[in-house]
Protein backbone atom coordinates (compact mmCIF):
# COMPACT_ATOMS: atom_id res chain seq x y z
CA MET A 1 -10.37 -17.56 7.60
CA THR A 2 -11.53 -17.03 4.02
CA ASP A 3 -10.66 -19.33 1.10
CA ASP A 4 -8.39 -16.62 -0.34
CA GLU A 5 -6.51 -16.35 2.95
CA MET A 6 -6.01 -20.12 3.07
CA LYS A 7 -4.47 -20.02 -0.45
CA SER A 8 -2.30 -17.02 0.50
CA HIS A 9 0.97 -16.81 2.35
CA TRP A 10 2.90 -14.20 4.27
CA HIS A 11 5.62 -12.42 2.25
CA TYR A 12 8.49 -10.59 3.96
CA LEU A 13 8.53 -6.96 2.82
CA CYS A 14 11.01 -4.94 4.87
CA LYS A 15 12.08 -3.88 8.34
CA LYS A 16 9.62 -1.60 10.10
CA SER A 17 12.55 0.52 11.21
CA ASP A 18 13.36 1.14 7.51
CA LEU A 19 10.11 3.15 7.19
CA SER A 20 10.14 6.34 9.23
CA LYS A 21 6.86 8.04 10.12
CA GLY A 22 5.45 9.68 7.00
CA GLU A 23 7.74 7.70 4.69
CA LYS A 24 6.64 5.51 1.77
CA LYS A 25 8.51 2.89 -0.26
CA GLU A 26 7.69 0.78 -3.29
CA PHE A 27 8.32 -2.97 -3.40
CA VAL A 28 7.83 -5.69 -6.01
CA LEU A 29 6.32 -8.90 -4.64
CA GLU A 30 7.36 -12.37 -5.79
CA ASN A 31 4.23 -12.54 -7.98
CA GLY A 32 5.23 -9.31 -9.75
CA GLU A 33 2.69 -7.06 -8.01
CA ILE A 34 3.97 -3.60 -7.10
CA VAL A 35 2.99 -2.47 -3.60
CA LEU A 36 3.39 0.71 -1.62
CA ALA A 37 4.29 0.50 2.07
CA VAL A 38 3.52 3.60 4.11
CA ASN A 39 4.21 4.49 7.73
CA VAL A 40 1.23 6.49 9.00
CA ASP A 41 1.98 7.64 12.55
CA GLY A 42 3.84 4.41 13.33
CA VAL A 43 1.32 2.10 11.64
CA ILE A 44 2.51 0.31 8.49
CA LYS A 45 -0.08 0.15 5.71
CA VAL A 46 0.40 -1.60 2.37
CA VAL A 47 -1.65 -0.99 -0.78
CA SER A 48 -1.22 -1.54 -4.48
CA GLY A 49 1.58 0.73 -5.64
CA ILE A 50 -0.02 1.64 -8.96
CA CYS A 51 -2.84 4.16 -9.44
CA THR A 52 -5.99 2.51 -10.79
CA HIS A 53 -6.65 5.44 -13.11
CA ARG A 54 -3.55 5.63 -15.34
CA ARG A 55 -1.08 3.10 -13.86
CA PHE A 56 1.19 5.76 -12.32
CA HIS A 57 3.55 4.71 -9.50
CA LEU A 58 2.09 6.00 -6.24
CA VAL A 59 5.50 6.16 -4.56
CA ARG A 60 5.76 9.47 -6.48
CA GLY A 61 2.50 10.60 -4.86
CA ALA A 62 1.84 12.86 -1.90
CA LEU A 63 1.01 11.38 1.49
CA THR A 64 -1.51 13.39 3.50
CA GLY A 65 -2.72 11.87 6.74
CA ASN A 66 -4.29 8.51 5.85
CA SER A 67 -4.42 9.06 2.08
CA ILE A 68 -2.08 8.95 -0.90
CA THR A 69 -2.60 11.31 -3.83
CA CYS A 70 -1.42 10.35 -7.29
CA THR A 71 0.49 13.33 -8.67
CA LEU A 72 -0.40 12.49 -12.28
CA HIS A 73 -4.14 13.39 -12.15
CA LEU A 74 -4.63 14.07 -8.40
CA SER A 75 -6.74 11.04 -7.52
CA ALA A 76 -6.51 10.44 -3.77
CA PHE A 77 -7.00 7.04 -2.13
CA ASP A 78 -7.82 6.04 1.45
CA LEU A 79 -5.02 3.82 2.79
CA ASP A 80 -7.33 1.69 4.96
CA SER A 81 -10.03 0.85 2.42
CA GLY A 82 -8.22 1.62 -0.84
CA ARG A 83 -11.27 3.51 -2.09
CA PRO A 84 -10.75 6.57 -4.25
CA LEU A 85 -11.53 9.82 -2.45
CA THR A 86 -11.29 12.10 -5.49
CA PRO A 87 -11.75 11.61 -9.24
CA PRO A 88 -10.75 10.74 -11.86
CA ALA A 89 -9.97 7.30 -10.33
CA GLU A 90 -13.05 5.13 -9.78
CA ALA A 91 -11.58 1.73 -8.88
CA PRO A 92 -10.10 1.14 -5.43
CA LEU A 93 -6.53 0.13 -4.67
CA LYS A 94 -5.92 -3.37 -3.35
CA VAL A 95 -5.26 -3.28 0.38
CA TYR A 96 -2.94 -5.91 1.87
CA LYS A 97 -3.13 -7.39 5.35
CA VAL A 98 0.00 -6.51 7.29
CA GLU A 99 1.63 -8.38 10.14
CA ILE A 100 4.58 -7.10 12.16
CA ARG A 101 6.87 -9.73 13.72
CA ASP A 102 9.48 -8.05 15.89
CA ASP A 103 10.84 -5.48 13.38
CA ASP A 104 9.85 -7.43 10.25
CA VAL A 105 6.91 -6.38 8.04
CA PHE A 106 4.99 -9.15 6.26
CA VAL A 107 2.07 -8.85 3.82
CA LEU A 108 -0.49 -11.50 2.98
CA VAL A 109 -0.13 -12.35 -0.71
């Protein structure tokens, strides 16, 4: 376990059943961070909900396979690594560790 993980804690996000396959929802964490939860073929992935290029809410973006595309300037991001796949974005999205307990989705904050 890393030092950051030891300082972190698990934050309840939502019910897994509230996110259908291909659906995405935006949440605000207790620390004020905006995150995007996405159901990719039954797997819940959580990344920063704001594009690193121009601070646009990614919940308005287009989900294609394992990537989210910001509809403002068309930067696409990989949902596993957070890295930008297309310009103009250069900085990656933060990727959160996810844990499913029964039907509850938790993220490591």
